[in-house]
N, C-alpha and C. Protein backbone atom coordinates (compact mmCIF):
# COMPACT_ATOMS: atom_id res chain seq x y z
N UNK A 1 0.99 -1.07 -0.31
CA UNK A 1 0.37 -0.11 -0.18
C UNK A 1 0.84 1.10 0.06
N UNK A 2 0.38 2.37 -0.87
CA UNK A 2 1.23 3.67 -0.83
C UNK A 2 0.96 4.32 -0.02
N UNK A 3 1.74 4.66 0.62
CA UNK A 3 1.25 6.26 1.50
C UNK A 3 0.58 7.26 0.88
N UNK A 4 -0.33 8.09 1.39
CA UNK A 4 -0.78 9.34 0.67
C UNK A 4 -0.36 10.49 1.48
N UNK A 5 0.13 11.63 0.93
CA UNK A 5 0.77 12.92 1.55
C UNK A 5 -0.07 13.93 1.67
N UNK A 6 -0.74 14.57 2.81
CA UNK A 6 -1.45 15.80 2.50
C UNK A 6 -0.15 17.12 3.16
N UNK A 7 -0.11 18.23 2.45
CA UNK A 7 0.99 19.54 2.57
C UNK A 7 -0.30 20.05 3.73
N UNK A 8 0.44 20.12 4.77
CA UNK A 8 -0.39 21.46 5.83
C UNK A 8 0.13 22.41 5.80
N UNK A 9 0.92 22.88 5.36
CA UNK A 9 1.67 24.55 5.50
C UNK A 9 1.60 25.36 4.36
N UNK A 10 1.55 26.47 4.86
CA UNK A 10 1.63 27.82 4.15
C UNK A 10 2.80 27.69 3.44
N UNK A 11 2.94 28.48 2.10
CA UNK A 11 4.27 28.80 1.89
C UNK A 11 4.97 30.13 2.29
N UNK A 12 6.35 30.27 2.24
CA UNK A 12 6.98 31.39 3.32
C UNK A 12 6.90 32.37 1.92
N UNK A 13 6.29 33.36 1.84
CA UNK A 13 6.49 34.45 0.59
C UNK A 13 6.90 36.04 1.19
N UNK A 14 7.18 36.35 0.71
CA UNK A 14 7.87 38.15 0.99
C UNK A 14 6.17 39.17 1.12
N UNK A 15 5.67 38.13 0.55
CA UNK A 15 3.98 39.33 1.09
C UNK A 15 3.10 38.37 1.93
N UNK A 16 3.29 37.48 2.23
CA UNK A 16 2.57 36.87 3.28
C UNK A 16 1.98 37.30 5.10
N UNK A 17 1.20 36.70 5.14
CA UNK A 17 0.79 37.42 6.69
C UNK A 17 1.61 37.41 8.26
N UNK A 18 2.15 38.42 8.88
CA UNK A 18 2.77 38.05 9.68
C UNK A 18 1.92 38.99 11.06
N UNK A 19 2.85 38.38 12.13
CA UNK A 19 2.31 39.53 13.29
C UNK A 19 2.32 40.76 13.11
N UNK A 20 1.57 41.55 13.90
CA UNK A 20 1.77 43.02 13.35
C UNK A 20 2.94 43.39 13.91
N UNK A 21 3.79 44.55 13.12
CA UNK A 21 4.79 44.84 13.51
C UNK A 21 5.89 44.22 13.36
N UNK A 22 5.72 42.76 12.90
CA UNK A 22 7.13 41.71 12.43
C UNK A 22 6.97 42.26 10.84
N UNK A 23 8.28 42.66 10.70
CA UNK A 23 8.93 42.44 9.28
C UNK A 23 8.57 41.75 8.48
N UNK A 24 7.95 41.83 7.01
CA UNK A 24 7.94 40.83 6.36
C UNK A 24 9.16 40.06 5.96
N UNK A 25 9.48 38.85 5.24
CA UNK A 25 10.41 38.10 5.29
C UNK A 25 10.92 38.66 3.48
N UNK A 26 12.04 38.38 3.72
CA UNK A 26 13.19 38.83 2.61
C UNK A 26 13.45 37.92 1.77
N UNK A 27 13.63 37.76 0.59
CA UNK A 27 13.88 36.50 -0.25
C UNK A 27 14.74 37.05 -1.35
N UNK A 28 15.81 36.83 -1.30
CA UNK A 28 16.57 37.44 -3.03
C UNK A 28 18.04 36.75 -2.95
N UNK A 29 18.26 36.54 -4.16
CA UNK A 29 19.90 35.97 -4.61
C UNK A 29 20.74 36.65 -4.62
N UNK A 30 22.01 36.32 -3.69
CA UNK A 30 23.51 36.74 -3.43
C UNK A 30 24.36 36.46 -4.58
N UNK A 31 23.67 35.46 -5.24
CA UNK A 31 24.58 35.28 -6.23
C UNK A 31 23.70 34.50 -7.63
N UNK A 32 23.35 35.50 -8.56
CA UNK A 32 22.40 35.03 -9.47
C UNK A 32 23.00 33.34 -10.60
N UNK A 33 22.22 32.69 -11.42
CA UNK A 33 22.53 32.37 -12.15
C UNK A 33 23.50 33.12 -13.23
N UNK A 34 22.82 34.16 -13.46
CA UNK A 34 23.65 34.95 -14.72
C UNK A 34 24.90 34.93 -14.15
N UNK A 35 25.30 35.47 -12.98
CA UNK A 35 26.58 36.07 -12.40
C UNK A 35 27.12 34.83 -12.17
N UNK A 36 26.58 33.75 -12.09
CA UNK A 36 27.92 32.78 -11.61
C UNK A 36 28.26 31.87 -12.62
N UNK A 37 28.07 32.21 -13.67
CA UNK A 37 28.13 31.96 -14.96
C UNK A 37 29.96 31.68 -14.95
N UNK A 38 30.31 33.35 -15.10
CA UNK A 38 31.44 33.60 -15.35
C UNK A 38 32.40 32.88 -14.36
N UNK A 39 32.08 32.51 -13.30
CA UNK A 39 32.84 31.98 -11.98
C UNK A 39 33.17 30.77 -12.30
N UNK A 40 32.14 29.64 -13.03
CA UNK A 40 32.05 28.29 -13.62
C UNK A 40 32.40 28.44 -14.86
N UNK A 41 33.12 29.13 -15.23
CA UNK A 41 33.71 29.57 -16.76
C UNK A 41 32.70 29.35 -17.88
N UNK A 42 31.23 29.37 -17.61
CA UNK A 42 30.37 28.88 -18.93
C UNK A 42 30.08 27.39 -18.71
N UNK A 43 30.49 27.03 -18.10
CA UNK A 43 30.28 25.35 -17.80
C UNK A 43 28.94 24.82 -17.21
N UNK A 44 28.70 25.84 -15.78
CA UNK A 44 27.46 25.60 -15.02
C UNK A 44 27.13 27.08 -14.49
N UNK A 45 26.27 26.96 -14.33
CA UNK A 45 25.45 27.83 -13.44
C UNK A 45 24.55 27.71 -12.07
N UNK A 46 24.45 28.43 -11.24
CA UNK A 46 23.76 28.15 -9.89
C UNK A 46 23.27 29.67 -9.13
N UNK A 47 22.16 29.48 -8.08
CA UNK A 47 22.05 30.53 -7.33
C UNK A 47 22.11 29.94 -5.89
N UNK A 48 22.57 31.32 -5.57
CA UNK A 48 22.70 30.90 -3.82
C UNK A 48 21.36 32.40 -3.28
N UNK A 49 20.69 31.65 -2.60
CA UNK A 49 19.79 32.69 -1.83
C UNK A 49 19.52 33.01 -0.32
N UNK A 50 19.76 33.97 -0.15
CA UNK A 50 20.17 34.89 1.04
C UNK A 50 17.97 34.36 1.64
N UNK A 51 17.92 34.43 2.82
CA UNK A 51 16.20 34.28 3.33
C UNK A 51 16.25 34.88 4.56
N UNK A 52 15.83 36.34 4.51
CA UNK A 52 15.50 36.77 5.90
C UNK A 52 14.39 37.08 6.55
N UNK A 53 13.83 36.04 8.30
CA UNK A 53 13.03 36.30 8.44
C UNK A 53 12.91 36.16 10.03
N UNK A 54 11.78 36.61 10.50
CA UNK A 54 11.53 36.53 11.70
C UNK A 54 11.24 34.79 12.23
N UNK A 55 11.45 34.13 12.73
CA UNK A 55 11.58 32.71 12.93
C UNK A 55 9.98 32.82 13.45
N UNK A 56 9.08 33.13 13.84
CA UNK A 56 7.53 32.60 14.42
C UNK A 56 7.01 33.15 13.21
N UNK A 57 7.28 32.92 11.84
CA UNK A 57 6.18 33.03 10.55
C UNK A 57 5.82 31.70 9.73
N UNK A 58 4.81 32.14 9.51
CA UNK A 58 4.40 30.84 8.39
C UNK A 58 3.83 29.57 9.16
N UNK A 59 4.30 28.63 9.01
CA UNK A 59 3.78 27.68 9.45
C UNK A 59 5.29 26.68 10.02
N UNK A 60 4.88 27.07 11.85
CA UNK A 60 5.95 27.35 12.53
C UNK A 60 5.57 26.52 14.13
N UNK A 61 6.98 26.08 14.25
CA UNK A 61 6.48 25.33 15.89
C UNK A 61 7.54 25.78 16.51
N UNK A 62 6.46 26.19 17.72
CA UNK A 62 7.19 26.87 19.57
C UNK A 62 7.95 26.41 19.67
N UNK A 63 9.12 26.16 20.79
CA UNK A 63 9.94 25.28 21.65
C UNK A 63 9.70 26.11 23.22
N UNK A 64 9.64 24.90 23.92
CA UNK A 64 9.20 25.78 25.75
C UNK A 64 10.21 27.02 25.34
N UNK A 65 11.30 27.06 25.40
CA UNK A 65 12.13 28.89 25.65
C UNK A 65 11.22 29.92 25.05
N UNK A 66 10.45 29.48 24.09
CA UNK A 66 10.22 30.55 23.14
C UNK A 66 8.91 31.81 24.30
N UNK A 67 8.33 30.81 25.60
CA UNK A 67 7.78 31.43 26.56
C UNK A 67 8.42 31.09 27.69
N UNK A 68 9.52 30.42 27.90
CA UNK A 68 10.08 30.24 29.28
C UNK A 68 11.36 30.04 28.88
N UNK A 69 12.46 31.17 29.37
CA UNK A 69 13.72 30.86 29.03
C UNK A 69 14.62 29.87 29.42
N UNK A 70 14.10 29.36 30.80
CA UNK A 70 15.30 28.13 31.73
C UNK A 70 14.97 27.13 30.28
N UNK A 71 14.02 26.95 29.74
CA UNK A 71 13.54 25.57 29.10
C UNK A 71 14.43 25.10 27.80
N UNK A 72 14.36 24.43 27.21
CA UNK A 72 14.86 23.82 26.04
C UNK A 72 14.45 24.72 24.47
N UNK A 73 15.14 24.76 23.50
CA UNK A 73 15.19 25.42 22.68
C UNK A 73 14.89 24.55 21.29
N UNK A 74 14.44 25.18 20.34
CA UNK A 74 14.62 24.55 18.72
C UNK A 74 15.41 23.27 18.40
N UNK A 75 16.51 23.57 18.80
CA UNK A 75 17.45 22.08 18.16
C UNK A 75 17.75 21.37 19.38
N UNK A 76 16.95 21.36 20.23
CA UNK A 76 17.00 20.16 21.55
C UNK A 76 15.80 19.47 20.98
N UNK A 77 14.75 19.42 20.10
CA UNK A 77 13.80 18.85 19.62
C UNK A 77 14.19 17.44 18.98
N UNK A 78 13.69 16.42 19.34
CA UNK A 78 13.99 15.07 18.75
C UNK A 78 12.64 15.01 17.94
N UNK A 79 13.06 14.01 17.08
CA UNK A 79 12.43 13.79 16.06
C UNK A 79 10.98 13.03 16.48
N UNK A 80 11.31 12.45 17.65
CA UNK A 80 10.05 11.34 18.15
C UNK A 80 9.02 12.43 18.46
N UNK A 81 9.40 13.76 19.03
CA UNK A 81 8.81 14.81 19.45
C UNK A 81 7.77 15.39 18.74
N UNK A 82 7.93 15.31 17.26
CA UNK A 82 7.26 16.06 16.09
C UNK A 82 7.09 15.21 15.12
N UNK A 83 7.09 13.91 15.28
CA UNK A 83 6.41 12.67 14.43
C UNK A 83 5.76 12.01 15.14
N UNK A 84 4.47 12.49 14.79
CA UNK A 84 3.55 11.58 16.17
C UNK A 84 2.41 11.08 15.44
N UNK A 85 1.49 9.95 15.75
CA UNK A 85 0.32 9.73 15.31
C UNK A 85 -0.92 10.98 15.68
N UNK A 86 -1.48 11.18 15.01
CA UNK A 86 -2.67 12.75 14.49
C UNK A 86 -4.02 12.50 15.16
N UNK A 87 -4.25 13.19 15.84
CA UNK A 87 -5.79 13.56 15.93
C UNK A 87 -6.52 14.54 15.53
N UNK A 88 -7.30 14.66 14.76
CA UNK A 88 -7.65 15.67 13.99
C UNK A 88 -9.22 16.11 15.11
N UNK A 89 -9.40 17.56 15.46
CA UNK A 89 -10.19 18.36 16.24
C UNK A 89 -11.05 19.13 15.86
N UNK A 90 -12.52 18.91 15.45
CA UNK A 90 -13.26 20.41 15.00
C UNK A 90 -13.54 20.86 15.44
N UNK A 91 -13.82 22.26 15.70
CA UNK A 91 -14.20 23.18 17.23
C UNK A 91 -15.36 23.99 16.44
N UNK A 92 -15.61 24.38 17.56
CA UNK A 92 -16.82 25.72 17.19
C UNK A 92 -16.81 26.24 18.49
N UNK A 93 -17.10 27.27 17.85
CA UNK A 93 -16.75 28.95 18.83
C UNK A 93 -15.45 29.16 18.47
N UNK A 94 -15.60 30.68 19.41
CA UNK A 94 -13.79 31.38 19.41
C UNK A 94 -12.84 31.04 20.68
N UNK A 95 -13.66 31.24 21.64
CA UNK A 95 -12.98 30.54 22.85
C UNK A 95 -12.95 29.27 23.27
N UNK A 96 -12.48 28.76 22.71
CA UNK A 96 -11.92 26.91 22.95
C UNK A 96 -12.32 26.35 24.28
N UNK A 97 -12.74 25.46 24.61
CA UNK A 97 -12.84 24.80 25.45
C UNK A 97 -12.97 23.40 25.55
N UNK A 98 -12.73 22.68 26.42
CA UNK A 98 -12.70 21.19 25.70
C UNK A 98 -13.79 20.68 25.31
N UNK A 99 -15.19 21.19 25.87
CA UNK A 99 -16.63 20.77 25.07
C UNK A 99 -16.52 21.59 23.41
N UNK A 100 -15.42 22.38 23.38
CA UNK A 100 -16.04 23.05 22.32
C UNK A 100 -14.87 22.14 21.09
N UNK A 101 -14.52 20.82 21.28
CA UNK A 101 -14.09 19.72 20.25
C UNK A 101 -14.50 18.83 20.07
N UNK A 102 -14.67 18.29 18.69
CA UNK A 102 -15.35 17.08 18.17
C UNK A 102 -14.13 16.11 17.88
N UNK A 103 -13.94 15.18 18.59
CA UNK A 103 -12.93 13.99 18.00
C UNK A 103 -13.12 12.67 17.60
N UNK A 104 -12.73 12.07 16.92
CA UNK A 104 -13.37 10.73 16.26
C UNK A 104 -12.50 9.60 17.23
N UNK A 105 -11.14 10.25 17.74
CA UNK A 105 -10.56 9.76 18.42
C UNK A 105 -10.40 10.07 19.88
N UNK A 106 -10.57 9.25 21.29
CA UNK A 106 -11.06 10.08 22.18
C UNK A 106 -9.17 9.53 22.79
N UNK A 107 -8.48 9.20 22.67
CA UNK A 107 -7.58 8.53 22.76
C UNK A 107 -6.45 9.52 22.33
N UNK A 108 -5.69 10.67 23.66
CA UNK A 108 -4.55 11.73 22.75
C UNK A 108 -3.29 11.56 23.42
N UNK A 109 -3.29 10.25 24.46
CA UNK A 109 -1.93 10.27 24.86
C UNK A 109 -0.76 10.02 23.59
N UNK A 110 -0.05 10.91 23.78
CA UNK A 110 1.32 10.68 23.11
C UNK A 110 1.00 10.82 21.87
N UNK A 111 -0.08 11.82 21.58
CA UNK A 111 -0.62 12.20 20.13
C UNK A 111 -0.53 13.73 19.86
N UNK A 112 -0.45 14.12 18.38
CA UNK A 112 -0.54 15.68 18.25
C UNK A 112 -2.11 15.92 17.83
N UNK A 113 -2.77 16.61 18.51
CA UNK A 113 -3.90 16.90 18.48
C UNK A 113 -4.27 18.33 17.50
N UNK A 114 -4.39 18.04 16.29
CA UNK A 114 -4.38 19.36 15.41
C UNK A 114 -5.91 19.96 15.29
N UNK A 115 -6.19 21.34 15.72
CA UNK A 115 -7.41 22.12 15.95
C UNK A 115 -7.73 22.47 14.52
N UNK A 116 -9.12 22.18 13.75
CA UNK A 116 -9.40 22.76 12.73
C UNK A 116 -10.44 24.08 13.26
N UNK A 117 -10.30 24.95 13.04
CA UNK A 117 -11.56 26.07 13.16
C UNK A 117 -11.76 26.41 11.89
N UNK A 118 -11.06 25.87 10.94
CA UNK A 118 -11.34 26.93 9.45
C UNK A 118 -10.47 28.14 9.03
N UNK A 119 -9.74 28.28 10.00
CA UNK A 119 -9.73 29.81 9.84
C UNK A 119 -8.93 29.92 9.00
N UNK A 120 -8.05 29.23 8.49
CA UNK A 120 -7.00 29.20 7.24
C UNK A 120 -7.54 29.31 6.05
N UNK A 121 -9.04 29.99 5.68
CA UNK A 121 -9.87 30.36 4.74
C UNK A 121 -9.83 31.46 4.44
N UNK A 122 -9.32 32.15 6.01
CA UNK A 122 -9.11 33.68 5.92
C UNK A 122 -7.46 34.35 5.56
N UNK A 123 -6.88 33.47 4.87
CA UNK A 123 -5.15 33.55 5.27
C UNK A 123 -5.21 34.67 4.12
N UNK A 124 -4.44 35.94 4.30
CA UNK A 124 -4.11 36.85 3.54
C UNK A 124 -5.38 37.79 3.73
N UNK A 125 -6.51 38.00 4.93
CA UNK A 125 -6.78 39.03 4.84
C UNK A 125 -7.38 39.69 6.41
N UNK A 126 -7.88 40.86 6.34
CA UNK A 126 -7.53 41.19 8.12
C UNK A 126 -8.46 40.20 9.14
N UNK A 127 -9.55 39.58 8.63
CA UNK A 127 -10.17 38.76 9.29
C UNK A 127 -8.95 37.88 10.11
N UNK A 128 -8.37 37.64 9.46
CA UNK A 128 -7.38 36.27 9.80
C UNK A 128 -6.72 36.66 11.34
N UNK A 129 -6.35 37.48 11.65
CA UNK A 129 -6.22 38.02 13.04
C UNK A 129 -7.06 37.88 14.04
N UNK A 130 -8.38 37.95 13.76
CA UNK A 130 -9.47 38.09 14.41
C UNK A 130 -9.79 36.30 14.52
N UNK A 131 -8.95 35.79 15.39
CA UNK A 131 -9.23 34.35 15.18
C UNK A 131 -9.51 33.38 16.60
N UNK A 132 -10.11 32.22 16.73
CA UNK A 132 -10.28 31.46 17.52
C UNK A 132 -9.09 30.95 18.32
N UNK A 133 -9.20 30.60 19.87
CA UNK A 133 -8.18 30.48 20.48
C UNK A 133 -8.20 29.77 21.58
N UNK A 134 -7.20 28.43 21.92
CA UNK A 134 -7.45 27.82 23.02
C UNK A 134 -7.57 28.50 24.24
N UNK A 135 -8.25 28.30 25.32
CA UNK A 135 -8.48 28.81 26.62
C UNK A 135 -7.30 27.86 27.34
N UNK A 136 -7.17 28.29 28.93
CA UNK A 136 -6.58 27.67 30.32
C UNK A 136 -6.83 26.33 29.98
N UNK A 137 -8.42 26.44 30.30
CA UNK A 137 -9.02 25.56 30.63
C UNK A 137 -8.61 24.37 29.29
N UNK A 138 -8.36 24.75 28.30
CA UNK A 138 -8.36 23.36 27.33
C UNK A 138 -6.75 23.37 27.38
N UNK A 139 -6.22 24.17 27.33
CA UNK A 139 -4.77 24.03 27.50
C UNK A 139 -4.33 22.86 28.51
N UNK A 140 -4.86 23.09 29.83
CA UNK A 140 -4.90 21.83 31.26
C UNK A 140 -5.30 20.85 30.65
N UNK A 141 -6.37 20.45 29.76
CA UNK A 141 -6.98 19.35 29.64
C UNK A 141 -6.05 18.50 28.65
N UNK A 142 -5.52 19.30 27.83
CA UNK A 142 -4.55 18.71 27.02
C UNK A 142 -3.18 18.02 27.67
N UNK A 143 -2.92 18.98 28.98
CA UNK A 143 -1.87 18.52 29.86
C UNK A 143 -2.46 16.94 30.43
N UNK A 144 -3.76 17.20 31.28
CA UNK A 144 -4.29 16.13 31.73
C UNK A 144 -4.14 14.67 30.84
N UNK A 145 -4.56 14.54 29.16
CA UNK A 145 -4.50 13.59 28.48
C UNK A 145 -3.32 13.37 28.00
N UNK A 146 -2.18 14.45 28.27
CA UNK A 146 -1.07 13.74 27.92
C UNK A 146 -0.31 13.81 26.21
N UNK A 147 -0.92 14.69 25.96
CA UNK A 147 -0.48 15.32 24.72
C UNK A 147 0.67 15.43 24.17
N UNK A 148 0.91 15.38 22.90
CA UNK A 148 2.61 15.81 22.99
C UNK A 148 2.75 16.76 22.30
N UNK A 149 1.68 17.25 21.00
CA UNK A 149 1.74 18.34 20.23
C UNK A 149 0.33 19.20 20.12
N UNK A 150 0.04 20.56 20.24
CA UNK A 150 -0.97 20.29 19.89
C UNK A 150 -0.89 21.62 18.52
N UNK A 151 -1.79 21.76 17.37
CA UNK A 151 -1.50 22.35 16.50
C UNK A 151 -3.02 23.10 15.99
N UNK A 152 -2.47 24.25 15.43
CA UNK A 152 -3.99 25.11 15.08
C UNK A 152 -3.89 25.89 13.77
N UNK A 153 -4.89 26.03 13.44
CA UNK A 153 -4.80 26.63 11.97
C UNK A 153 -5.14 27.99 12.14
N UNK A 154 -4.53 28.71 13.11
CA UNK A 154 -4.64 30.52 13.37
C UNK A 154 -3.37 30.75 13.68
N UNK A 155 -3.11 32.00 13.57
CA UNK A 155 -1.40 32.63 13.61
C UNK A 155 -1.26 33.00 15.07
N UNK A 156 -1.96 32.26 15.98
CA UNK A 156 -1.82 32.37 17.48
C UNK A 156 -2.69 31.34 18.36
N UNK A 157 -2.31 30.78 19.14
CA UNK A 157 -3.20 29.91 19.74
C UNK A 157 -3.80 30.62 20.97
N UNK A 158 -3.40 31.72 21.01
CA UNK A 158 -3.61 32.33 22.03
C UNK A 158 -4.68 33.40 22.13
N UNK A 159 -5.66 33.31 22.69
CA UNK A 159 -6.60 35.06 22.81
C UNK A 159 -5.22 36.13 22.51
N UNK A 160 -5.57 36.80 21.52
CA UNK A 160 -4.46 38.23 21.21
C UNK A 160 -4.57 38.97 21.96
N UNK A 161 -6.01 39.49 23.04
CA UNK A 161 -5.99 40.50 23.80
C UNK A 161 -5.50 39.65 25.52
N UNK A 162 -5.58 38.91 25.62
CA UNK A 162 -4.95 38.53 26.82
C UNK A 162 -3.23 38.17 26.87
N UNK A 163 -2.87 38.99 27.18
CA UNK A 163 -1.26 39.16 26.75
C UNK A 163 -0.37 38.20 28.01
N UNK A 164 -1.27 37.13 29.03
CA UNK A 164 -0.28 36.49 29.75
C UNK A 164 -0.56 35.12 28.91
N UNK A 165 -1.08 35.20 27.79
CA UNK A 165 -1.05 33.75 26.88
C UNK A 165 -0.68 32.63 27.34
N UNK A 166 -1.93 32.40 28.13
CA UNK A 166 -2.25 31.31 29.02
C UNK A 166 -1.93 30.07 27.80
N UNK A 167 -2.30 29.79 26.85
CA UNK A 167 -2.30 28.70 26.28
C UNK A 167 -0.65 28.14 26.12
N UNK A 168 0.04 29.77 25.58
CA UNK A 168 1.08 29.11 25.32
C UNK A 168 2.06 28.71 26.48
N UNK A 169 1.98 29.78 27.75
CA UNK A 169 2.37 29.07 29.30
C UNK A 169 2.31 27.88 29.60
N UNK A 170 0.89 27.22 29.62
CA UNK A 170 0.54 25.96 30.20
C UNK A 170 1.12 25.20 28.90
N UNK A 171 0.95 25.02 27.90
CA UNK A 171 1.56 24.03 27.13
C UNK A 171 3.02 23.50 26.74
N UNK A 172 3.78 25.22 26.95
CA UNK A 172 5.00 24.75 26.72
C UNK A 172 5.87 24.82 28.25
N UNK A 173 5.50 25.17 29.02
CA UNK A 173 5.81 24.74 30.64
C UNK A 173 5.76 22.92 30.86
N UNK A 174 4.75 21.99 29.94
CA UNK A 174 4.52 20.92 30.26
C UNK A 174 4.99 20.25 28.70
N UNK A 175 6.08 20.78 28.39
CA UNK A 175 6.72 20.46 27.10
C UNK A 175 6.06 19.67 26.34
N UNK A 176 5.02 20.27 25.63
CA UNK A 176 3.94 20.18 24.81
C UNK A 176 4.18 20.92 23.50
N UNK A 177 4.50 20.76 22.34
CA UNK A 177 5.17 21.98 21.34
C UNK A 177 3.48 22.24 20.92
N UNK A 178 4.01 23.53 20.12
CA UNK A 178 2.39 24.24 19.39
C UNK A 178 3.49 24.51 18.15
N UNK A 179 2.23 24.40 17.06
CA UNK A 179 2.69 24.62 16.09
C UNK A 179 1.12 25.46 15.31
N UNK A 180 1.62 26.46 15.19
CA UNK A 180 0.37 27.55 14.54
C UNK A 180 0.71 27.43 12.55
N UNK A 181 -0.69 28.32 12.64
CA UNK A 181 -0.50 28.83 11.13
C UNK A 181 -0.62 27.61 10.12
N UNK A 182 -1.42 26.34 11.08
CA UNK A 182 -1.90 25.11 9.98
C UNK A 182 -2.73 25.36 8.42
N UNK A 183 -2.38 24.86 7.29
CA UNK A 183 -3.33 24.85 6.20
C UNK A 183 -4.23 23.37 5.93
N UNK A 184 -4.96 23.55 5.54
CA UNK A 184 -5.62 22.12 4.69
C UNK A 184 -5.81 21.37 6.00
N UNK A 185 -6.23 21.44 6.66
CA UNK A 185 -6.81 20.25 8.01
C UNK A 185 -7.70 19.70 7.69
N UNK A 186 -8.70 20.28 6.87
CA UNK A 186 -9.92 19.76 6.33
C UNK A 186 -9.95 18.62 5.69
N UNK A 187 -8.74 18.25 4.82
CA UNK A 187 -8.63 17.26 4.16
C UNK A 187 -8.12 15.83 4.83
N UNK A 188 -8.20 16.39 6.45
CA UNK A 188 -7.60 15.20 7.27
C UNK A 188 -9.15 13.98 8.21
N UNK A 189 -10.24 14.93 7.66
CA UNK A 189 -11.58 14.30 8.09
C UNK A 189 -11.55 12.74 8.07
N UNK A 190 -12.08 12.13 8.75
CA UNK A 190 -12.14 10.46 8.62
C UNK A 190 -10.91 9.67 7.92
N UNK A 191 -9.81 10.52 8.44
CA UNK A 191 -8.50 9.50 8.12
C UNK A 191 -7.93 9.64 9.27
N UNK A 192 -7.22 7.89 9.14
CA UNK A 192 -5.90 7.86 10.42
C UNK A 192 -4.69 8.63 9.25
N UNK A 193 -3.86 9.19 10.64
CA UNK A 193 -2.76 9.83 9.76
C UNK A 193 -1.45 10.15 10.98
N UNK A 194 -0.05 10.36 10.32
CA UNK A 194 0.90 10.36 11.37
C UNK A 194 1.47 12.20 11.00
N UNK A 195 1.64 12.72 12.23
CA UNK A 195 1.46 14.28 11.58
C UNK A 195 3.03 14.24 11.78
N UNK A 196 3.87 15.37 10.64
CA UNK A 196 5.26 15.30 10.84
C UNK A 196 5.45 16.94 10.78
N UNK A 197 6.30 17.63 11.77
CA UNK A 197 6.23 19.31 12.07
C UNK A 197 7.88 19.53 12.63
N UNK A 198 8.64 18.83 11.04
CA UNK A 198 10.29 18.73 11.67
C UNK A 198 10.65 20.18 11.09
N UNK A 199 11.44 20.77 12.20
CA UNK A 199 12.48 22.01 11.97
C UNK A 199 13.79 22.31 11.77
N UNK A 200 14.37 22.67 11.32
CA UNK A 200 15.90 22.87 11.22
C UNK A 200 16.38 22.88 12.72
N UNK A 201 17.83 21.53 12.86
CA UNK A 201 18.10 21.77 14.31
C UNK A 201 19.02 23.09 14.44
N UNK A 202 18.19 24.20 14.88
CA UNK A 202 18.52 25.64 15.20
C UNK A 202 18.34 26.16 16.36
N UNK A 203 19.59 26.94 17.06
CA UNK A 203 19.21 27.48 18.33
C UNK A 203 18.23 28.67 18.09
N UNK A 204 17.03 28.53 18.25
CA UNK A 204 16.11 29.64 17.98
C UNK A 204 14.47 29.15 19.06
N UNK A 205 13.98 30.08 19.36
CA UNK A 205 12.66 29.90 20.12
C UNK A 205 11.86 29.33 19.04
N UNK A 206 11.44 29.49 18.12
CA UNK A 206 10.75 28.82 17.38
C UNK A 206 11.13 29.12 15.64
N UNK A 207 10.46 28.18 14.90
CA UNK A 207 11.13 27.94 13.52
C UNK A 207 9.88 27.53 12.63
N UNK A 208 10.23 27.55 11.37
CA UNK A 208 9.31 27.52 10.51
C UNK A 208 9.55 26.00 10.15
N UNK A 209 8.13 25.06 9.80
CA UNK A 209 8.32 23.61 9.41
C UNK A 209 7.92 23.50 8.46
N UNK A 210 8.05 22.44 7.30
CA UNK A 210 6.91 21.83 6.38
C UNK A 210 6.26 20.88 6.92
N UNK A 211 5.16 21.34 7.76
CA UNK A 211 4.04 20.35 8.20
C UNK A 211 3.46 19.58 7.12
N UNK A 212 3.09 18.24 7.46
CA UNK A 212 2.39 17.27 6.48
C UNK A 212 1.93 16.05 7.17
N UNK A 213 0.99 15.65 6.89
CA UNK A 213 0.31 14.53 7.25
C UNK A 213 0.54 12.94 6.37
N UNK A 214 1.32 11.97 6.54
CA UNK A 214 0.69 11.23 5.98
C UNK A 214 -0.34 10.10 6.17
N UNK A 215 -1.38 9.53 5.69
CA UNK A 215 -2.47 8.79 5.81
C UNK A 215 -2.33 7.50 5.74
N UNK A 216 -2.74 6.64 6.08
CA UNK A 216 -3.03 5.51 6.53
C UNK A 216 -4.37 4.82 6.69
């Protein structure tokens, strides 16, 4: 049986949505194909590309260090932390509590829970920034259920008006990774899948990932 893969990531582009006040990424060649031909005496050509970005951009993962300065950063992530059996959770409402989620699989222990709010459809619009969010009660529920990772299709798992950031605080304190700005979650309905969200091995608080699901 051949695996099927579903891409759950947004493309990183210079005009993409970012947090208010955060610069857009810059992507440009430091060596163009044309300029490189002389270096290779006309036998070959290459481009070398420079990317300048804030790491909390696109579809990205937060490490505990993002919220808690004495905890581990992105470089400490093990592959088994971010390649996990997945559970899709359909949400209703804006403030999300345990009772706000509908899940086909109730066994969440050791798994990645991906919350489909449907908000990815507003990508590139102002409405995208006025999004559903995980409450402290739901974050505590994920801790009690021994969840390993929580993903959501919004730019922020927290209520942007709550400066204490309870979802980030609770989840990351308990070594539960957070993936934000997911896409295409509706394609996972009724499917059993493994979720992948592997960042570069880099000393950073957060970093973009190529998030995807393997359907089986």
